[in-house]
Amino acid sequence: MRNDDKKKSTTGFSLPLASTLKGKQSVRATFRLTGGCIDAISIVAAQLGIKQKSLFDHLAEDIQNLELIAREIKNKQLKKRNRIQKTFVISRRSLSSLDEISKLFNAPRDALVEYSIQRLLPIIDKERKKHEKRKEFFVKIKQHFKEGEKILNDISNQLGDDDPIINKFALVMSAYETAKTNMEAFIDRSKSIEEFVPDDMNL
């Protein structure tokens, strides 16, 4: 038997691969966080079109940044304020990183999470500005769509519904309407960024 074969687990995966897959397994972890931090995770995930788990894992698996935060808040007690108990789905590796660094530096795990989430503020600020621009452009898009509908109606009235170009233009307008509806839905889902208050993240 080759050495490589000896390293394989009963699952058929080599041990390094099995360890990697195990690290990516999803687990549930509960933290007590400010409402602003919980909102920040939700807003950024929605704006970037990614899962909250992926965003949370990105923050929690940044070991270098977690250690910097841990050194800063070592033995520090969080201010007394209303916090919300929230359960997230994260990778097993993310949870292990948080637990290990929390114990190593004697830093509250919830504080590690909250300070990590603070890194999202520049992204939220950038996305808020883009959101306002999207709304401005969408006003123009809706007006442009109305003009297209008028052209379609004029074709029908002047050339008839059986004219060769009306069906082709009708297909264009149908696709346009679908895209417009999707854009409107995205902007509506993003409205929470308008109400986000950075001070709600204060620790």
N, C-alpha and C. Protein backbone atom coordinates (compact mmCIF):
# COMPACT_ATOMS: atom_id res chain seq x y z
N MET A 1 0.85 -1.20 0.00
CA MET A 1 0.00 0.00 0.00
C MET A 1 0.88 1.24 0.00
N ARG A 2 0.53 2.23 -0.87
CA ARG A 2 1.32 3.44 -0.94
C ARG A 2 1.09 4.30 0.32
N ASN A 3 2.06 5.16 0.60
CA ASN A 3 1.94 6.03 1.77
C ASN A 3 0.71 6.92 1.68
N ASP A 4 0.41 7.39 0.43
CA ASP A 4 -0.76 8.26 0.24
C ASP A 4 -2.03 7.55 0.66
N ASP A 5 -2.09 6.25 0.36
CA ASP A 5 -3.29 5.49 0.70
C ASP A 5 -3.43 5.36 2.21
N LYS A 6 -2.31 5.27 2.91
CA LYS A 6 -2.36 5.13 4.36
C LYS A 6 -2.90 6.38 5.03
N LYS A 7 -2.78 7.52 4.32
CA LYS A 7 -3.20 8.79 4.92
C LYS A 7 -4.68 9.06 4.71
N LYS A 8 -5.31 8.21 3.95
CA LYS A 8 -6.72 8.43 3.66
C LYS A 8 -7.60 7.96 4.81
N SER A 9 -8.65 8.72 5.07
CA SER A 9 -9.59 8.34 6.13
C SER A 9 -10.59 7.36 5.56
N THR A 10 -11.46 6.87 6.41
CA THR A 10 -12.47 5.91 5.97
C THR A 10 -13.46 6.55 5.00
N THR A 11 -13.50 7.90 4.95
CA THR A 11 -14.42 8.56 4.02
C THR A 11 -13.88 8.56 2.60
N GLY A 12 -12.59 8.22 2.46
CA GLY A 12 -12.00 8.24 1.14
C GLY A 12 -11.26 9.54 0.87
N PHE A 13 -11.39 10.53 1.74
CA PHE A 13 -10.69 11.79 1.59
C PHE A 13 -9.33 11.70 2.28
N SER A 14 -8.35 12.41 1.73
CA SER A 14 -7.07 12.50 2.42
C SER A 14 -7.31 13.30 3.68
N LEU A 15 -6.50 13.12 4.71
CA LEU A 15 -6.70 13.77 5.99
C LEU A 15 -6.72 15.29 5.89
N PRO A 16 -5.80 15.93 5.12
CA PRO A 16 -5.86 17.40 5.01
C PRO A 16 -7.18 17.88 4.42
N LEU A 17 -7.67 17.16 3.40
CA LEU A 17 -8.94 17.55 2.78
C LEU A 17 -10.09 17.35 3.75
N ALA A 18 -10.08 16.24 4.47
CA ALA A 18 -11.15 15.97 5.43
C ALA A 18 -11.17 17.05 6.50
N SER A 19 -9.98 17.49 6.93
CA SER A 19 -9.90 18.54 7.94
C SER A 19 -10.45 19.85 7.40
N THR A 20 -10.14 20.14 6.13
CA THR A 20 -10.64 21.38 5.51
C THR A 20 -12.15 21.37 5.42
N LEU A 21 -12.70 20.24 4.99
CA LEU A 21 -14.16 20.14 4.87
C LEU A 21 -14.84 20.25 6.22
N LYS A 22 -14.22 19.66 7.22
CA LYS A 22 -14.79 19.73 8.57
C LYS A 22 -14.82 21.17 9.06
N GLY A 23 -13.77 21.93 8.72
CA GLY A 23 -13.71 23.33 9.13
C GLY A 23 -14.79 24.17 8.49
N LYS A 24 -15.26 23.73 7.31
CA LYS A 24 -16.28 24.49 6.59
C LYS A 24 -17.70 24.09 6.99
N GLN A 25 -17.83 23.08 7.84
CA GLN A 25 -19.15 22.66 8.28
C GLN A 25 -19.85 23.81 9.01
N SER A 26 -21.14 23.93 8.79
CA SER A 26 -21.90 25.01 9.43
C SER A 26 -22.35 24.62 10.83
N VAL A 27 -22.24 25.56 11.72
CA VAL A 27 -22.72 25.37 13.10
C VAL A 27 -23.50 26.62 13.48
N ARG A 28 -24.27 26.52 14.53
CA ARG A 28 -25.01 27.67 15.04
C ARG A 28 -24.30 28.23 16.26
N ALA A 29 -24.14 29.54 16.27
CA ALA A 29 -23.47 30.19 17.40
C ALA A 29 -24.30 31.39 17.82
N THR A 30 -24.48 31.55 19.11
CA THR A 30 -25.30 32.64 19.64
C THR A 30 -24.41 33.70 20.29
N PHE A 31 -24.68 34.95 19.94
CA PHE A 31 -23.94 36.07 20.50
C PHE A 31 -24.94 37.11 21.01
N ARG A 32 -24.49 37.92 21.94
CA ARG A 32 -25.28 39.05 22.41
C ARG A 32 -24.66 40.31 21.82
N LEU A 33 -25.39 40.93 20.89
CA LEU A 33 -24.85 42.06 20.13
C LEU A 33 -25.79 43.26 20.17
N THR A 34 -25.24 44.43 19.91
CA THR A 34 -26.08 45.61 19.79
C THR A 34 -26.95 45.47 18.55
N GLY A 35 -28.10 46.14 18.56
CA GLY A 35 -28.98 46.09 17.40
C GLY A 35 -28.30 46.61 16.16
N GLY A 36 -27.43 47.62 16.34
CA GLY A 36 -26.72 48.19 15.20
C GLY A 36 -25.79 47.19 14.54
N CYS A 37 -25.13 46.37 15.33
CA CYS A 37 -24.24 45.35 14.77
C CYS A 37 -25.02 44.30 13.99
N ILE A 38 -26.15 43.90 14.53
CA ILE A 38 -26.98 42.91 13.84
C ILE A 38 -27.49 43.49 12.52
N ASP A 39 -27.92 44.76 12.56
CA ASP A 39 -28.39 45.41 11.34
C ASP A 39 -27.27 45.53 10.31
N ALA A 40 -26.06 45.84 10.78
CA ALA A 40 -24.93 46.02 9.88
C ALA A 40 -24.65 44.75 9.08
N ILE A 41 -24.66 43.61 9.76
CA ILE A 41 -24.43 42.33 9.08
C ILE A 41 -25.48 42.11 8.00
N SER A 42 -26.74 42.34 8.36
CA SER A 42 -27.84 42.13 7.42
C SER A 42 -27.76 43.07 6.23
N ILE A 43 -27.47 44.34 6.49
CA ILE A 43 -27.43 45.35 5.43
C ILE A 43 -26.31 45.07 4.44
N VAL A 44 -25.10 44.82 4.95
CA VAL A 44 -23.96 44.61 4.06
C VAL A 44 -24.15 43.33 3.23
N ALA A 45 -24.67 42.28 3.84
CA ALA A 45 -24.91 41.04 3.09
C ALA A 45 -25.90 41.28 1.96
N ALA A 46 -26.97 42.04 2.25
CA ALA A 46 -27.98 42.32 1.23
C ALA A 46 -27.42 43.19 0.11
N GLN A 47 -26.64 44.21 0.48
CA GLN A 47 -26.08 45.12 -0.51
C GLN A 47 -25.08 44.43 -1.43
N LEU A 48 -24.28 43.52 -0.86
CA LEU A 48 -23.25 42.85 -1.65
C LEU A 48 -23.77 41.58 -2.31
N GLY A 49 -25.00 41.19 -1.98
CA GLY A 49 -25.58 40.00 -2.58
C GLY A 49 -24.91 38.71 -2.14
N ILE A 50 -24.52 38.66 -0.85
CA ILE A 50 -23.89 37.45 -0.32
C ILE A 50 -24.66 36.99 0.91
N LYS A 51 -24.40 35.76 1.34
CA LYS A 51 -25.07 35.24 2.53
C LYS A 51 -24.44 35.85 3.78
N GLN A 52 -25.27 36.02 4.81
CA GLN A 52 -24.75 36.53 6.08
C GLN A 52 -23.64 35.62 6.60
N LYS A 53 -23.78 34.31 6.40
CA LYS A 53 -22.76 33.36 6.86
C LYS A 53 -21.41 33.67 6.22
N SER A 54 -21.41 33.94 4.91
CA SER A 54 -20.15 34.22 4.21
C SER A 54 -19.50 35.48 4.76
N LEU A 55 -20.31 36.49 5.02
CA LEU A 55 -19.78 37.74 5.56
C LEU A 55 -19.24 37.54 6.97
N PHE A 56 -20.00 36.83 7.79
CA PHE A 56 -19.58 36.57 9.16
C PHE A 56 -18.28 35.76 9.17
N ASP A 57 -18.19 34.76 8.31
CA ASP A 57 -16.98 33.94 8.24
C ASP A 57 -15.79 34.77 7.80
N HIS A 58 -16.00 35.69 6.87
CA HIS A 58 -14.92 36.56 6.40
C HIS A 58 -14.34 37.37 7.56
N LEU A 59 -15.22 37.86 8.42
CA LEU A 59 -14.76 38.66 9.57
C LEU A 59 -14.09 37.77 10.63
N ALA A 60 -14.74 36.64 10.90
CA ALA A 60 -14.27 35.79 12.00
C ALA A 60 -13.00 35.02 11.66
N GLU A 61 -12.73 34.80 10.39
CA GLU A 61 -11.55 34.04 10.01
C GLU A 61 -10.35 34.92 9.72
N ASP A 62 -10.50 36.22 9.90
CA ASP A 62 -9.38 37.15 9.76
C ASP A 62 -8.61 37.15 11.09
N ILE A 63 -7.76 36.17 11.26
CA ILE A 63 -7.07 35.95 12.53
C ILE A 63 -6.24 37.17 12.94
N GLN A 64 -5.54 37.74 11.99
CA GLN A 64 -4.67 38.88 12.31
C GLN A 64 -5.47 40.04 12.89
N ASN A 65 -6.60 40.33 12.27
CA ASN A 65 -7.43 41.43 12.77
C ASN A 65 -8.05 41.08 14.12
N LEU A 66 -8.48 39.84 14.29
CA LEU A 66 -9.06 39.43 15.56
C LEU A 66 -8.05 39.57 16.70
N GLU A 67 -6.81 39.23 16.42
CA GLU A 67 -5.78 39.34 17.46
C GLU A 67 -5.52 40.80 17.82
N LEU A 68 -5.56 41.69 16.81
CA LEU A 68 -5.37 43.12 17.08
C LEU A 68 -6.51 43.63 17.97
N ILE A 69 -7.73 43.21 17.64
CA ILE A 69 -8.89 43.62 18.42
C ILE A 69 -8.78 43.07 19.84
N ALA A 70 -8.39 41.80 19.94
CA ALA A 70 -8.31 41.14 21.25
C ALA A 70 -7.30 41.85 22.15
N ARG A 71 -6.18 42.26 21.59
CA ARG A 71 -5.18 42.98 22.39
C ARG A 71 -5.74 44.31 22.89
N GLU A 72 -6.55 44.93 22.04
CA GLU A 72 -7.12 46.24 22.40
C GLU A 72 -8.15 46.14 23.51
N ILE A 73 -8.93 45.07 23.49
CA ILE A 73 -10.03 44.96 24.45
C ILE A 73 -9.74 43.95 25.55
N LYS A 74 -8.51 43.51 25.67
CA LYS A 74 -8.13 42.53 26.68
C LYS A 74 -8.60 42.96 28.07
N ASN A 75 -9.30 42.08 28.72
CA ASN A 75 -9.83 42.33 30.08
C ASN A 75 -10.85 43.47 30.13
N LYS A 76 -11.30 43.91 28.98
CA LYS A 76 -12.23 45.04 28.94
C LYS A 76 -13.67 44.54 29.06
N GLN A 77 -14.45 45.25 29.81
CA GLN A 77 -15.87 44.90 29.96
C GLN A 77 -16.70 45.78 29.03
N LEU A 78 -17.65 45.16 28.37
CA LEU A 78 -18.53 45.92 27.49
C LEU A 78 -19.44 46.83 28.32
N LYS A 79 -19.75 47.99 27.77
CA LYS A 79 -20.66 48.90 28.46
C LYS A 79 -22.02 48.23 28.62
N LYS A 80 -22.65 48.53 29.72
CA LYS A 80 -23.98 47.97 29.94
C LYS A 80 -24.99 48.68 29.04
N ARG A 81 -25.58 47.96 28.16
CA ARG A 81 -26.62 48.50 27.30
C ARG A 81 -27.42 47.33 26.76
N ASN A 82 -28.56 47.65 26.25
CA ASN A 82 -29.42 46.58 25.76
C ASN A 82 -28.76 45.87 24.57
N ARG A 83 -28.62 44.58 24.71
CA ARG A 83 -28.08 43.78 23.63
C ARG A 83 -29.08 42.69 23.29
N ILE A 84 -28.99 42.23 22.08
CA ILE A 84 -29.95 41.25 21.58
C ILE A 84 -29.24 39.92 21.40
N GLN A 85 -29.86 38.87 21.88
CA GLN A 85 -29.29 37.53 21.68
C GLN A 85 -29.65 37.07 20.27
N LYS A 86 -28.63 36.82 19.47
CA LYS A 86 -28.84 36.49 18.07
C LYS A 86 -28.03 35.26 17.70
N THR A 87 -28.68 34.32 17.05
CA THR A 87 -28.00 33.10 16.61
C THR A 87 -27.66 33.20 15.13
N PHE A 88 -26.40 32.96 14.81
CA PHE A 88 -25.93 32.99 13.43
C PHE A 88 -25.48 31.60 13.01
N VAL A 89 -25.57 31.35 11.72
CA VAL A 89 -24.98 30.14 11.15
C VAL A 89 -23.61 30.54 10.64
N ILE A 90 -22.57 29.91 11.18
CA ILE A 90 -21.20 30.22 10.78
C ILE A 90 -20.44 28.92 10.59
N SER A 91 -19.24 29.01 10.07
CA SER A 91 -18.44 27.80 9.89
C SER A 91 -17.83 27.38 11.22
N ARG A 92 -17.53 26.11 11.31
CA ARG A 92 -16.90 25.60 12.53
C ARG A 92 -15.54 26.28 12.74
N ARG A 93 -14.84 26.57 11.64
CA ARG A 93 -13.54 27.23 11.74
C ARG A 93 -13.69 28.63 12.34
N SER A 94 -14.72 29.36 11.91
CA SER A 94 -14.95 30.71 12.44
C SER A 94 -15.19 30.67 13.94
N LEU A 95 -16.02 29.74 14.37
CA LEU A 95 -16.33 29.63 15.80
C LEU A 95 -15.08 29.26 16.59
N SER A 96 -14.27 28.35 16.04
CA SER A 96 -13.04 27.95 16.72
C SER A 96 -12.09 29.13 16.86
N SER A 97 -11.99 29.94 15.79
CA SER A 97 -11.10 31.11 15.83
C SER A 97 -11.53 32.08 16.92
N LEU A 98 -12.82 32.34 16.97
CA LEU A 98 -13.34 33.26 17.99
C LEU A 98 -13.09 32.73 19.39
N ASP A 99 -13.36 31.45 19.60
CA ASP A 99 -13.19 30.86 20.93
C ASP A 99 -11.73 30.86 21.36
N GLU A 100 -10.85 30.47 20.44
CA GLU A 100 -9.43 30.38 20.77
C GLU A 100 -8.84 31.74 21.11
N ILE A 101 -9.14 32.75 20.29
CA ILE A 101 -8.59 34.08 20.52
C ILE A 101 -9.20 34.71 21.77
N SER A 102 -10.47 34.44 22.00
CA SER A 102 -11.13 34.95 23.21
C SER A 102 -10.43 34.42 24.46
N LYS A 103 -10.12 33.13 24.48
CA LYS A 103 -9.46 32.52 25.64
C LYS A 103 -8.01 32.98 25.75
N LEU A 104 -7.32 33.04 24.61
CA LEU A 104 -5.90 33.38 24.62
C LEU A 104 -5.64 34.78 25.16
N PHE A 105 -6.52 35.73 24.80
CA PHE A 105 -6.31 37.12 25.20
C PHE A 105 -7.25 37.57 26.32
N ASN A 106 -8.05 36.63 26.81
CA ASN A 106 -9.03 36.97 27.85
C ASN A 106 -9.91 38.13 27.39
N ALA A 107 -10.38 38.02 26.16
CA ALA A 107 -11.23 39.06 25.55
C ALA A 107 -12.63 38.49 25.34
N PRO A 108 -13.68 39.20 25.76
CA PRO A 108 -15.05 38.69 25.59
C PRO A 108 -15.34 38.35 24.13
N ARG A 109 -15.87 37.18 23.89
CA ARG A 109 -16.15 36.76 22.52
C ARG A 109 -17.12 37.69 21.82
N ASP A 110 -18.17 38.12 22.55
CA ASP A 110 -19.14 39.02 21.95
C ASP A 110 -18.48 40.34 21.53
N ALA A 111 -17.53 40.79 22.34
CA ALA A 111 -16.83 42.03 22.02
C ALA A 111 -15.98 41.86 20.76
N LEU A 112 -15.35 40.70 20.62
CA LEU A 112 -14.58 40.42 19.41
C LEU A 112 -15.46 40.55 18.18
N VAL A 113 -16.66 39.98 18.27
CA VAL A 113 -17.59 40.03 17.15
C VAL A 113 -18.02 41.46 16.87
N GLU A 114 -18.38 42.20 17.92
CA GLU A 114 -18.88 43.57 17.72
C GLU A 114 -17.81 44.47 17.12
N TYR A 115 -16.58 44.38 17.62
CA TYR A 115 -15.51 45.22 17.08
C TYR A 115 -15.17 44.82 15.64
N SER A 116 -15.30 43.53 15.33
CA SER A 116 -15.07 43.09 13.94
C SER A 116 -16.12 43.67 13.01
N ILE A 117 -17.36 43.68 13.47
CA ILE A 117 -18.45 44.20 12.64
C ILE A 117 -18.28 45.70 12.39
N GLN A 118 -17.61 46.39 13.31
CA GLN A 118 -17.36 47.82 13.11
C GLN A 118 -16.57 48.08 11.83
N ARG A 119 -15.82 47.09 11.39
CA ARG A 119 -15.06 47.23 10.15
C ARG A 119 -15.96 47.40 8.94
N LEU A 120 -17.24 47.09 9.10
CA LEU A 120 -18.18 47.20 7.98
C LEU A 120 -18.69 48.61 7.77
N LEU A 121 -18.43 49.52 8.70
CA LEU A 121 -18.97 50.88 8.59
C LEU A 121 -18.57 51.58 7.29
N PRO A 122 -17.31 51.53 6.86
CA PRO A 122 -16.96 52.18 5.59
C PRO A 122 -17.73 51.60 4.41
N ILE A 123 -17.98 50.29 4.45
CA ILE A 123 -18.75 49.66 3.37
C ILE A 123 -20.18 50.17 3.38
N ILE A 124 -20.77 50.26 4.58
CA ILE A 124 -22.15 50.74 4.69
C ILE A 124 -22.25 52.18 4.19
N ASP A 125 -21.27 53.00 4.56
CA ASP A 125 -21.27 54.40 4.11
C ASP A 125 -21.21 54.47 2.59
N LYS A 126 -20.34 53.66 2.00
CA LYS A 126 -20.20 53.63 0.54
C LYS A 126 -21.49 53.14 -0.12
N GLU A 127 -22.08 52.09 0.43
CA GLU A 127 -23.29 51.51 -0.15
C GLU A 127 -24.49 52.44 0.03
N ARG A 128 -24.52 53.22 1.11
CA ARG A 128 -25.62 54.17 1.32
C ARG A 128 -25.60 55.23 0.20
N LYS A 129 -24.40 55.71 -0.13
CA LYS A 129 -24.27 56.70 -1.21
C LYS A 129 -24.69 56.10 -2.55
N LYS A 130 -24.29 54.85 -2.78
CA LYS A 130 -24.68 54.18 -4.02
C LYS A 130 -26.19 53.96 -4.07
N HIS A 131 -26.77 53.65 -2.92
CA HIS A 131 -28.22 53.45 -2.84
C HIS A 131 -28.97 54.71 -3.26
N GLU A 132 -28.51 55.87 -2.79
CA GLU A 132 -29.15 57.13 -3.16
C GLU A 132 -29.01 57.40 -4.65
N LYS A 133 -27.85 57.06 -5.21
CA LYS A 133 -27.65 57.23 -6.65
C LYS A 133 -28.55 56.28 -7.44
N ARG A 134 -28.69 55.05 -6.94
CA ARG A 134 -29.56 54.09 -7.62
C ARG A 134 -30.99 54.61 -7.69
N LYS A 135 -31.45 55.22 -6.60
CA LYS A 135 -32.82 55.76 -6.58
C LYS A 135 -32.97 56.87 -7.61
N GLU A 136 -31.95 57.70 -7.72
CA GLU A 136 -32.00 58.79 -8.70
C GLU A 136 -32.06 58.24 -10.13
N PHE A 137 -31.23 57.23 -10.40
CA PHE A 137 -31.22 56.64 -11.73
C PHE A 137 -32.52 55.90 -12.00
N PHE A 138 -33.10 55.30 -10.96
CA PHE A 138 -34.31 54.53 -11.18
C PHE A 138 -35.48 55.44 -11.58
N VAL A 139 -35.48 56.67 -11.07
CA VAL A 139 -36.50 57.64 -11.50
C VAL A 139 -36.39 57.86 -13.01
N LYS A 140 -35.16 57.98 -13.51
CA LYS A 140 -34.94 58.17 -14.95
C LYS A 140 -35.31 56.91 -15.73
N ILE A 141 -35.01 55.75 -15.14
CA ILE A 141 -35.33 54.48 -15.81
C ILE A 141 -36.84 54.33 -15.96
N LYS A 142 -37.59 54.68 -14.92
CA LYS A 142 -39.06 54.57 -15.00
C LYS A 142 -39.61 55.51 -16.06
N GLN A 143 -39.04 56.71 -16.15
CA GLN A 143 -39.48 57.65 -17.16
C GLN A 143 -39.15 57.14 -18.55
N HIS A 144 -37.98 56.55 -18.68
CA HIS A 144 -37.56 55.99 -19.97
C HIS A 144 -38.48 54.84 -20.37
N PHE A 145 -38.89 54.04 -19.39
CA PHE A 145 -39.79 52.92 -19.67
C PHE A 145 -41.15 53.43 -20.16
N LYS A 146 -41.63 54.50 -19.53
CA LYS A 146 -42.90 55.09 -19.96
C LYS A 146 -42.82 55.58 -21.40
N GLU A 147 -41.69 56.13 -21.77
CA GLU A 147 -41.49 56.60 -23.14
C GLU A 147 -41.52 55.41 -24.10
N GLY A 148 -40.92 54.30 -23.66
CA GLY A 148 -40.95 53.10 -24.49
C GLY A 148 -42.37 52.58 -24.68
N GLU A 149 -43.17 52.62 -23.60
CA GLU A 149 -44.56 52.19 -23.70
C GLU A 149 -45.34 53.08 -24.67
N LYS A 150 -45.04 54.36 -24.65
CA LYS A 150 -45.71 55.30 -25.57
C LYS A 150 -45.35 54.98 -27.01
N ILE A 151 -44.06 54.68 -27.24
CA ILE A 151 -43.64 54.32 -28.60
C ILE A 151 -44.35 53.05 -29.05
N LEU A 152 -44.45 52.06 -28.17
CA LEU A 152 -45.12 50.81 -28.50
C LEU A 152 -46.58 51.07 -28.84
N ASN A 153 -47.21 51.94 -28.08
CA ASN A 153 -48.60 52.28 -28.33
C ASN A 153 -48.76 53.02 -29.66
N ASP A 154 -47.80 53.91 -29.97
CA ASP A 154 -47.85 54.65 -31.24
C ASP A 154 -47.68 53.71 -32.43
N ILE A 155 -46.80 52.73 -32.30
CA ILE A 155 -46.62 51.75 -33.38
C ILE A 155 -47.92 51.02 -33.64
N SER A 156 -48.57 50.60 -32.54
CA SER A 156 -49.83 49.86 -32.66
C SER A 156 -50.89 50.71 -33.34
N ASN A 157 -51.00 51.98 -32.94
CA ASN A 157 -52.04 52.85 -33.49
C ASN A 157 -51.78 53.23 -34.95
N GLN A 158 -50.52 53.42 -35.31
CA GLN A 158 -50.21 53.92 -36.65
C GLN A 158 -49.90 52.83 -37.66
N LEU A 159 -49.36 51.71 -37.20
CA LEU A 159 -48.99 50.64 -38.13
C LEU A 159 -49.82 49.38 -37.95
N GLY A 160 -50.51 49.27 -36.82
CA GLY A 160 -51.33 48.09 -36.57
C GLY A 160 -50.59 47.04 -35.77
N ASP A 161 -51.36 46.20 -35.11
CA ASP A 161 -50.77 45.19 -34.23
C ASP A 161 -50.07 44.06 -34.99
N ASP A 162 -50.28 44.00 -36.31
CA ASP A 162 -49.64 42.93 -37.08
C ASP A 162 -48.40 43.41 -37.82
N ASP A 163 -47.96 44.62 -37.52
CA ASP A 163 -46.76 45.13 -38.19
C ASP A 163 -45.53 44.35 -37.73
N PRO A 164 -44.58 44.10 -38.64
CA PRO A 164 -43.40 43.29 -38.31
C PRO A 164 -42.59 43.81 -37.12
N ILE A 165 -42.56 45.12 -36.91
CA ILE A 165 -41.68 45.62 -35.85
C ILE A 165 -42.34 45.63 -34.47
N ILE A 166 -43.67 45.55 -34.43
CA ILE A 166 -44.32 45.69 -33.13
C ILE A 166 -44.01 44.52 -32.20
N ASN A 167 -44.01 43.29 -32.78
CA ASN A 167 -43.71 42.13 -31.93
C ASN A 167 -42.29 42.18 -31.40
N LYS A 168 -41.35 42.62 -32.27
CA LYS A 168 -39.96 42.70 -31.84
C LYS A 168 -39.80 43.74 -30.73
N PHE A 169 -40.45 44.89 -30.89
CA PHE A 169 -40.32 45.93 -29.88
C PHE A 169 -41.07 45.53 -28.60
N ALA A 170 -42.16 44.79 -28.75
CA ALA A 170 -42.91 44.31 -27.59
C ALA A 170 -42.04 43.37 -26.74
N LEU A 171 -41.20 42.57 -27.41
CA LEU A 171 -40.28 41.68 -26.68
C LEU A 171 -39.26 42.50 -25.90
N VAL A 172 -38.79 43.59 -26.54
CA VAL A 172 -37.84 44.47 -25.86
C VAL A 172 -38.48 45.07 -24.60
N MET A 173 -39.71 45.54 -24.73
CA MET A 173 -40.39 46.18 -23.62
C MET A 173 -40.72 45.18 -22.51
N SER A 174 -41.01 43.95 -22.90
CA SER A 174 -41.30 42.92 -21.91
C SER A 174 -40.06 42.63 -21.06
N ALA A 175 -38.91 42.49 -21.75
CA ALA A 175 -37.66 42.26 -21.02
C ALA A 175 -37.32 43.47 -20.16
N TYR A 176 -37.59 44.66 -20.69
CA TYR A 176 -37.31 45.90 -19.96
C TYR A 176 -38.14 45.94 -18.68
N GLU A 177 -39.41 45.56 -18.79
CA GLU A 177 -40.30 45.60 -17.63
C GLU A 177 -39.83 44.63 -16.55
N THR A 178 -39.38 43.44 -16.97
CA THR A 178 -38.86 42.46 -16.00
C THR A 178 -37.64 43.01 -15.28
N ALA A 179 -36.73 43.62 -16.05
CA ALA A 179 -35.53 44.19 -15.44
C ALA A 179 -35.89 45.33 -14.49
N LYS A 180 -36.84 46.16 -14.90
CA LYS A 180 -37.26 47.29 -14.08
C LYS A 180 -37.87 46.79 -12.76
N THR A 181 -38.66 45.75 -12.84
CA THR A 181 -39.29 45.18 -11.64
C THR A 181 -38.22 44.64 -10.68
N ASN A 182 -37.21 43.98 -11.23
CA ASN A 182 -36.13 43.44 -10.40
C ASN A 182 -35.32 44.55 -9.75
N MET A 183 -35.08 45.62 -10.50
CA MET A 183 -34.34 46.75 -9.94
C MET A 183 -35.12 47.40 -8.81
N GLU A 184 -36.41 47.54 -9.01
CA GLU A 184 -37.26 48.16 -7.98
C GLU A 184 -37.28 47.30 -6.72
N ALA A 185 -37.33 45.99 -6.90
CA ALA A 185 -37.35 45.07 -5.76
C ALA A 185 -36.04 45.18 -4.97
N PHE A 186 -34.93 45.28 -5.70
CA PHE A 186 -33.63 45.39 -5.02
C PHE A 186 -33.54 46.69 -4.23
N ILE A 187 -34.01 47.78 -4.82
CA ILE A 187 -33.97 49.07 -4.13
C ILE A 187 -34.87 49.04 -2.90
N ASP A 188 -36.03 48.40 -3.02
CA ASP A 188 -36.94 48.30 -1.87
C ASP A 188 -36.30 47.48 -0.74
N ARG A 189 -35.62 46.40 -1.10
CA ARG A 189 -34.97 45.57 -0.08
C ARG A 189 -33.83 46.31 0.60
N SER A 190 -33.30 47.30 -0.09
CA SER A 190 -32.14 48.04 0.43
C SER A 190 -32.54 49.23 1.29
N LYS A 191 -33.83 49.47 1.47
CA LYS A 191 -34.27 50.66 2.19
C LYS A 191 -33.80 50.70 3.64
N SER A 192 -33.50 49.54 4.20
CA SER A 192 -33.06 49.51 5.59
C SER A 192 -31.76 50.29 5.78
N ILE A 193 -30.98 50.44 4.72
CA ILE A 193 -29.73 51.19 4.84
C ILE A 193 -29.98 52.67 5.08
N GLU A 194 -31.16 53.14 4.66
CA GLU A 194 -31.50 54.55 4.86
C GLU A 194 -31.73 54.84 6.34
N GLU A 195 -32.18 53.85 7.08
CA GLU A 195 -32.52 54.04 8.49
C GLU A 195 -31.40 53.62 9.43
N PHE A 196 -30.32 53.11 8.87
CA PHE A 196 -29.22 52.64 9.71
C PHE A 196 -28.54 53.80 10.42
N VAL A 197 -28.36 53.63 11.74
CA VAL A 197 -27.72 54.67 12.56
C VAL A 197 -26.41 54.12 13.09
N PRO A 198 -25.27 54.62 12.61
CA PRO A 198 -23.97 54.10 13.06
C PRO A 198 -23.80 54.14 14.58
N ASP A 199 -24.39 55.14 15.23
CA ASP A 199 -24.26 55.25 16.69
C ASP A 199 -24.85 54.06 17.42
N ASP A 200 -25.77 53.35 16.74
CA ASP A 200 -26.36 52.17 17.37
C ASP A 200 -25.35 51.02 17.52
N MET A 201 -24.19 51.19 16.89
CA MET A 201 -23.15 50.18 17.00
C MET A 201 -22.18 50.50 18.12
N ASN A 202 -22.34 51.67 18.72
CA ASN A 202 -21.39 52.07 19.77
C ASN A 202 -21.34 51.04 20.88
N LEU A 203 -20.15 50.72 21.29
CA LEU A 203 -19.96 49.68 22.30
C LEU A 203 -19.80 50.28 23.69
